[in-house]
PDB file of N, CA and C in Angstrom:
ATOM      1  N   UNK A   1     211.184  30.812 -32.756  1.00  0.00           N
ATOM      2  CA  UNK A   1     212.308  30.538 -31.913  1.00  0.00           C
ATOM      3  C   UNK A   1     213.148  29.418 -32.531  1.00  0.00           C
ATOM      4  N   UNK A   2     214.452  29.606 -32.556  1.00  0.00           N
ATOM      5  CA  UNK A   2     215.364  28.602 -33.099  1.00  0.00           C
ATOM      6  C   UNK A   2     215.583  27.501 -32.070  1.00  0.00           C
ATOM      7  N   UNK A   3     215.487  26.260 -32.514  1.00  0.00           N
ATOM      8  CA  UNK A   3     215.724  25.114 -31.651  1.00  0.00           C
ATOM      9  C   UNK A   3     216.874  24.299 -32.233  1.00  0.00           C
ATOM     10  N   UNK A   4     217.598  23.638 -31.357  1.00  0.00           N
ATOM     11  CA  UNK A   4     218.778  22.885 -31.769  1.00  0.00           C
ATOM     12  C   UNK A   4     218.665  21.427 -31.347  1.00  0.00           C
ATOM     13  N   UNK A   5     219.367  20.577 -32.096  1.00  0.00           N
ATOM     14  CA  UNK A   5     219.424  19.153 -31.779  1.00  0.00           C
ATOM     15  C   UNK A   5     220.861  18.708 -32.019  1.00  0.00           C
ATOM     16  N   UNK A   6     221.433  18.019 -31.047  1.00  0.00           N
ATOM     17  CA  UNK A   6     222.793  17.488 -31.174  1.00  0.00           C
ATOM     18  C   UNK A   6     222.719  15.994 -31.460  1.00  0.00           C
ATOM     19  N   UNK A   7     223.542  15.546 -32.382  1.00  0.00           N
ATOM     20  CA  UNK A   7     223.584  14.138 -32.770  1.00  0.00           C
ATOM     21  C   UNK A   7     225.038  13.668 -32.681  1.00  0.00           C
ATOM     22  N   UNK A   8     225.265  12.542 -32.021  1.00  0.00           N
ATOM     23  CA  UNK A   8     226.605  11.964 -31.932  1.00  0.00           C
ATOM     24  C   UNK A   8     226.749  10.913 -33.023  1.00  0.00           C
ATOM     25  N   UNK A   9     227.774  11.077 -33.854  1.00  0.00           N
ATOM     26  CA  UNK A   9     228.043  10.110 -34.916  1.00  0.00           C
ATOM     27  C   UNK A   9     228.963   9.025 -34.373  1.00  0.00           C
ATOM     28  N   UNK A  10     228.796   7.818 -34.853  1.00  0.00           N
ATOM     29  CA  UNK A  10     229.557   6.668 -34.385  1.00  0.00           C
ATOM     30  C   UNK A  10     231.048   6.795 -34.666  1.00  0.00           C
ATOM     31  N   UNK A  11     231.811   5.955 -34.007  1.00  0.00           N
ATOM     32  CA  UNK A  11     233.251   5.861 -34.165  1.00  0.00           C
ATOM     33  C   UNK A  11     233.609   5.702 -35.634  1.00  0.00           C
ATOM     34  N   UNK A  12     234.479   6.583 -36.126  1.00  0.00           N
ATOM     35  CA  UNK A  12     234.916   6.526 -37.523  1.00  0.00           C
ATOM     36  C   UNK A  12     236.367   6.980 -37.587  1.00  0.00           C
ATOM     37  N   UNK A  13     237.311   6.030 -37.535  1.00  0.00           N
ATOM     38  CA  UNK A  13     238.720   6.401 -37.484  1.00  0.00           C
ATOM     39  C   UNK A  13     239.273   6.961 -38.795  1.00  0.00           C
ATOM     40  N   UNK A  14     238.557   6.822 -39.869  1.00  0.00           N
ATOM     41  CA  UNK A  14     239.011   7.350 -41.166  1.00  0.00           C
ATOM     42  C   UNK A  14     238.132   8.519 -41.604  1.00  0.00           C
ATOM     43  N   UNK A  15     238.753   9.505 -42.214  1.00  0.00           N
ATOM     44  CA  UNK A  15     238.036  10.711 -42.628  1.00  0.00           C
ATOM     45  C   UNK A  15     236.921  10.400 -43.621  1.00  0.00           C
ATOM     46  N   UNK A  16     237.148   9.457 -44.518  1.00  0.00           N
ATOM     47  CA  UNK A  16     236.141   9.122 -45.523  1.00  0.00           C
ATOM     48  C   UNK A  16     234.870   8.586 -44.881  1.00  0.00           C
ATOM     49  N   UNK A  17     235.020   7.673 -43.929  1.00  0.00           N
ATOM     50  CA  UNK A  17     233.826   7.116 -43.281  1.00  0.00           C
ATOM     51  C   UNK A  17     233.142   8.162 -42.405  1.00  0.00           C
ATOM     52  N   UNK A  18     233.915   9.059 -41.793  1.00  0.00           N
ATOM     53  CA  UNK A  18     233.330  10.144 -40.998  1.00  0.00           C
ATOM     54  C   UNK A  18     232.517  11.070 -41.907  1.00  0.00           C
ATOM     55  N   UNK A  19     233.073  11.414 -43.054  1.00  0.00           N
ATOM     56  CA  UNK A  19     232.375  12.288 -43.996  1.00  0.00           C
ATOM     57  C   UNK A  19     231.090  11.644 -44.507  1.00  0.00           C
ATOM     58  N   UNK A  20     231.139  10.351 -44.779  1.00  0.00           N
ATOM     59  CA  UNK A  20     229.950   9.646 -45.246  1.00  0.00           C
ATOM     60  C   UNK A  20     228.852   9.656 -44.187  1.00  0.00           C
ATOM     61  N   UNK A  21     229.227   9.400 -42.929  1.00  0.00           N
ATOM     62  CA  UNK A  21     228.249   9.426 -41.838  1.00  0.00           C
ATOM     63  C   UNK A  21     227.644  10.815 -41.667  1.00  0.00           C
ATOM     64  N   UNK A  22     228.501  11.833 -41.721  1.00  0.00           N
ATOM     65  CA  UNK A  22     228.026  13.204 -41.556  1.00  0.00           C
ATOM     66  C   UNK A  22     227.080  13.593 -42.687  1.00  0.00           C
ATOM     67  N   UNK A  23     227.452  13.246 -43.915  1.00  0.00           N
ATOM     68  CA  UNK A  23     226.608  13.552 -45.068  1.00  0.00           C
ATOM     69  C   UNK A  23     225.252  12.851 -44.966  1.00  0.00           C
ATOM     70  N   UNK A  24     225.260  11.570 -44.603  1.00  0.00           N
ATOM     71  CA  UNK A  24     224.014  10.812 -44.478  1.00  0.00           C
ATOM     72  C   UNK A  24     223.119  11.421 -43.392  1.00  0.00           C
ATOM     73  N   UNK A  25     223.714  11.731 -42.240  1.00  0.00           N
ATOM     74  CA  UNK A  25     222.951  12.308 -41.133  1.00  0.00           C
ATOM     75  C   UNK A  25     222.409  13.682 -41.497  1.00  0.00           C
ATOM     76  N   UNK A  26     223.226  14.505 -42.151  1.00  0.00           N
ATOM     77  CA  UNK A  26     222.790  15.846 -42.548  1.00  0.00           C
ATOM     78  C   UNK A  26     221.625  15.770 -43.531  1.00  0.00           C
ATOM     79  N   UNK A  27     221.678  14.843 -44.463  1.00  0.00           N
ATOM     80  CA  UNK A  27     220.584  14.678 -45.424  1.00  0.00           C
ATOM     81  C   UNK A  27     219.305  14.198 -44.743  1.00  0.00           C
ATOM     82  N   UNK A  28     219.435  13.268 -43.799  1.00  0.00           N
ATOM     83  CA  UNK A  28     218.262  12.782 -43.060  1.00  0.00           C
ATOM     84  C   UNK A  28     217.632  13.918 -42.245  1.00  0.00           C
ATOM     85  N   UNK A  29     218.471  14.709 -41.590  1.00  0.00           N
ATOM     86  CA  UNK A  29     217.963  15.818 -40.776  1.00  0.00           C
ATOM     87  C   UNK A  29     217.346  16.906 -41.664  1.00  0.00           C
ATOM     88  N   UNK A  30     217.903  17.123 -42.846  1.00  0.00           N
ATOM     89  CA  UNK A  30     217.360  18.119 -43.773  1.00  0.00           C
ATOM     90  C   UNK A  30     215.945  17.743 -44.200  1.00  0.00           C
ATOM     91  N   UNK A  31     215.681  16.458 -44.343  1.00  0.00           N
ATOM     92  CA  UNK A  31     214.337  16.007 -44.696  1.00  0.00           C
ATOM     93  C   UNK A  31     213.336  16.327 -43.597  1.00  0.00           C
ATOM     94  N   UNK A  32     213.830  16.505 -42.366  1.00  0.00           N
ATOM     95  CA  UNK A  32     212.967  16.862 -41.234  1.00  0.00           C
ATOM     96  C   UNK A  32     212.933  18.376 -41.016  1.00  0.00           C
ATOM     97  N   UNK A  33     213.621  19.130 -41.883  1.00  0.00           N
ATOM     98  CA  UNK A  33     213.603  20.585 -41.788  1.00  0.00           C
ATOM     99  C   UNK A  33     214.773  21.198 -41.041  1.00  0.00           C
ATOM    100  N   UNK A  34     215.701  20.378 -40.561  1.00  0.00           N
ATOM    101  CA  UNK A  34     216.871  20.875 -39.840  1.00  0.00           C
ATOM    102  C   UNK A  34     217.995  21.228 -40.806  1.00  0.00           C
ATOM    103  N   UNK A  35     218.855  22.144 -40.388  1.00  0.00           N
ATOM    104  CA  UNK A  35     220.053  22.419 -41.152  1.00  0.00           C
ATOM    105  C   UNK A  35     221.264  22.300 -40.237  1.00  0.00           C
ATOM    106  N   UNK A  36     222.372  21.844 -40.808  1.00  0.00           N
ATOM    107  CA  UNK A  36     223.594  21.668 -40.040  1.00  0.00           C
ATOM    108  C   UNK A  36     224.142  23.028 -39.637  1.00  0.00           C
ATOM    109  N   UNK A  37     224.371  23.222 -38.336  1.00  0.00           N
ATOM    110  CA  UNK A  37     224.905  24.484 -37.831  1.00  0.00           C
ATOM    111  C   UNK A  37     226.416  24.371 -37.668  1.00  0.00           C
ATOM    112  N   UNK A  38     226.871  23.297 -37.028  1.00  0.00           N
ATOM    113  CA  UNK A  38     228.296  23.069 -36.815  1.00  0.00           C
ATOM    114  C   UNK A  38     228.520  21.621 -36.419  1.00  0.00           C
ATOM    115  N   UNK A  39     229.776  21.203 -36.462  1.00  0.00           N
ATOM    116  CA  UNK A  39     230.105  19.874 -35.956  1.00  0.00           C
ATOM    117  C   UNK A  39     231.536  19.884 -35.442  1.00  0.00           C
ATOM    118  N   UNK A  40     231.830  18.930 -34.590  1.00  0.00           N
ATOM    119  CA  UNK A  40     233.155  18.818 -34.005  1.00  0.00           C
ATOM    120  C   UNK A  40     233.525  17.347 -33.931  1.00  0.00           C
ATOM    121  N   UNK A  41     234.802  17.054 -34.206  1.00  0.00           N
ATOM    122  CA  UNK A  41     235.296  15.684 -34.115  1.00  0.00           C
ATOM    123  C   UNK A  41     236.026  15.546 -32.783  1.00  0.00           C
ATOM    124  N   UNK A  42     235.703  14.486 -32.059  1.00  0.00           N
ATOM    125  CA  UNK A  42     236.309  14.268 -30.746  1.00  0.00           C
ATOM    126  C   UNK A  42     237.599  13.454 -30.869  1.00  0.00           C
ATOM    127  N   UNK A  43     238.353  13.406 -29.801  1.00  0.00           N
ATOM    128  CA  UNK A  43     239.589  12.607 -29.779  1.00  0.00           C
ATOM    129  C   UNK A  43     239.315  11.117 -29.882  1.00  0.00           C
ATOM    130  N   UNK A  44     238.110  10.700 -29.598  1.00  0.00           N
ATOM    131  CA  UNK A  44     237.748   9.279 -29.681  1.00  0.00           C
ATOM    132  C   UNK A  44     237.206   8.908 -31.056  1.00  0.00           C
ATOM    133  N   UNK A  45     237.445   9.766 -32.068  1.00  0.00           N
ATOM    134  CA  UNK A  45     237.041   9.526 -33.464  1.00  0.00           C
ATOM    135  C   UNK A  45     235.531   9.443 -33.635  1.00  0.00           C
ATOM    136  N   UNK A  46     234.818  10.163 -32.793  1.00  0.00           N
ATOM    137  CA  UNK A  46     233.378  10.334 -32.960  1.00  0.00           C
ATOM    138  C   UNK A  46     233.154  11.794 -33.338  1.00  0.00           C
ATOM    139  N   UNK A  47     231.966  12.124 -33.779  1.00  0.00           N
ATOM    140  CA  UNK A  47     231.658  13.513 -34.113  1.00  0.00           C
ATOM    141  C   UNK A  47     230.352  13.912 -33.449  1.00  0.00           C
ATOM    142  N   UNK A  48     230.254  15.179 -33.117  1.00  0.00           N
ATOM    143  CA  UNK A  48     229.023  15.750 -32.592  1.00  0.00           C
ATOM    144  C   UNK A  48     228.556  16.782 -33.605  1.00  0.00           C
ATOM    145  N   UNK A  49     227.386  16.570 -34.163  1.00  0.00           N
ATOM    146  CA  UNK A  49     226.813  17.487 -35.148  1.00  0.00           C
ATOM    147  C   UNK A  49     225.638  18.215 -34.502  1.00  0.00           C
ATOM    148  N   UNK A  50     225.585  19.522 -34.687  1.00  0.00           N
ATOM    149  CA  UNK A  50     224.497  20.328 -34.139  1.00  0.00           C
ATOM    150  C   UNK A  50     223.654  20.839 -35.302  1.00  0.00           C
ATOM    151  N   UNK A  51     222.358  20.584 -35.216  1.00  0.00           N
ATOM    152  CA  UNK A  51     221.404  20.994 -36.240  1.00  0.00           C
ATOM    153  C   UNK A  51     220.435  22.008 -35.652  1.00  0.00           C
ATOM    154  N   UNK A  52     219.959  22.910 -36.491  1.00  0.00           N
ATOM    155  CA  UNK A  52     219.001  23.909 -36.033  1.00  0.00           C
ATOM    156  C   UNK A  52     217.766  23.919 -36.915  1.00  0.00           C
ATOM    157  N   UNK A  53     216.660  24.362 -36.322  1.00  0.00           N
ATOM    158  CA  UNK A  53     215.402  24.488 -37.045  1.00  0.00           C
ATOM    159  C   UNK A  53     214.673  25.716 -36.513  1.00  0.00           C
ATOM    160  N   UNK A  54     213.973  26.401 -37.380  1.00  0.00           N
ATOM    161  CA  UNK A  54     213.228  27.590 -36.957  1.00  0.00           C
ATOM    162  C   UNK A  54     214.016  28.862 -37.188  1.00  0.00           C
ATOM    163  N   UNK A  55     213.394  29.983 -36.838  1.00  0.00           N
ATOM    164  CA  UNK A  55     214.012  31.287 -37.026  1.00  0.00           C
ATOM    165  C   UNK A  55     214.590  31.781 -35.706  1.00  0.00           C
ATOM    166  N   UNK A  56     215.715  32.489 -35.821  1.00  0.00           N
ATOM    167  CA  UNK A  56     216.326  33.102 -34.627  1.00  0.00           C
ATOM    168  C   UNK A  56     215.464  34.289 -34.217  1.00  0.00           C
ATOM    169  N   UNK A  57     215.342  34.512 -32.918  1.00  0.00           N
ATOM    170  CA  UNK A  57     214.552  35.630 -32.423  1.00  0.00           C
ATOM    171  C   UNK A  57     215.263  36.947 -32.642  1.00  0.00           C
TER     172      UNK A  57
END
């Protein structure tokens, strides 16, 4: 069964710092077996990244 985990990235008003945070978080989650499924940037300059692990049914 596929399981998901959502992670909120901190305030990052510049694209470069947002990308760095996303890359760091994605690499940390990959070490735990998760893969990045999707992410969205909010109007408040935060991001929500969704990671998945396991096989889809």
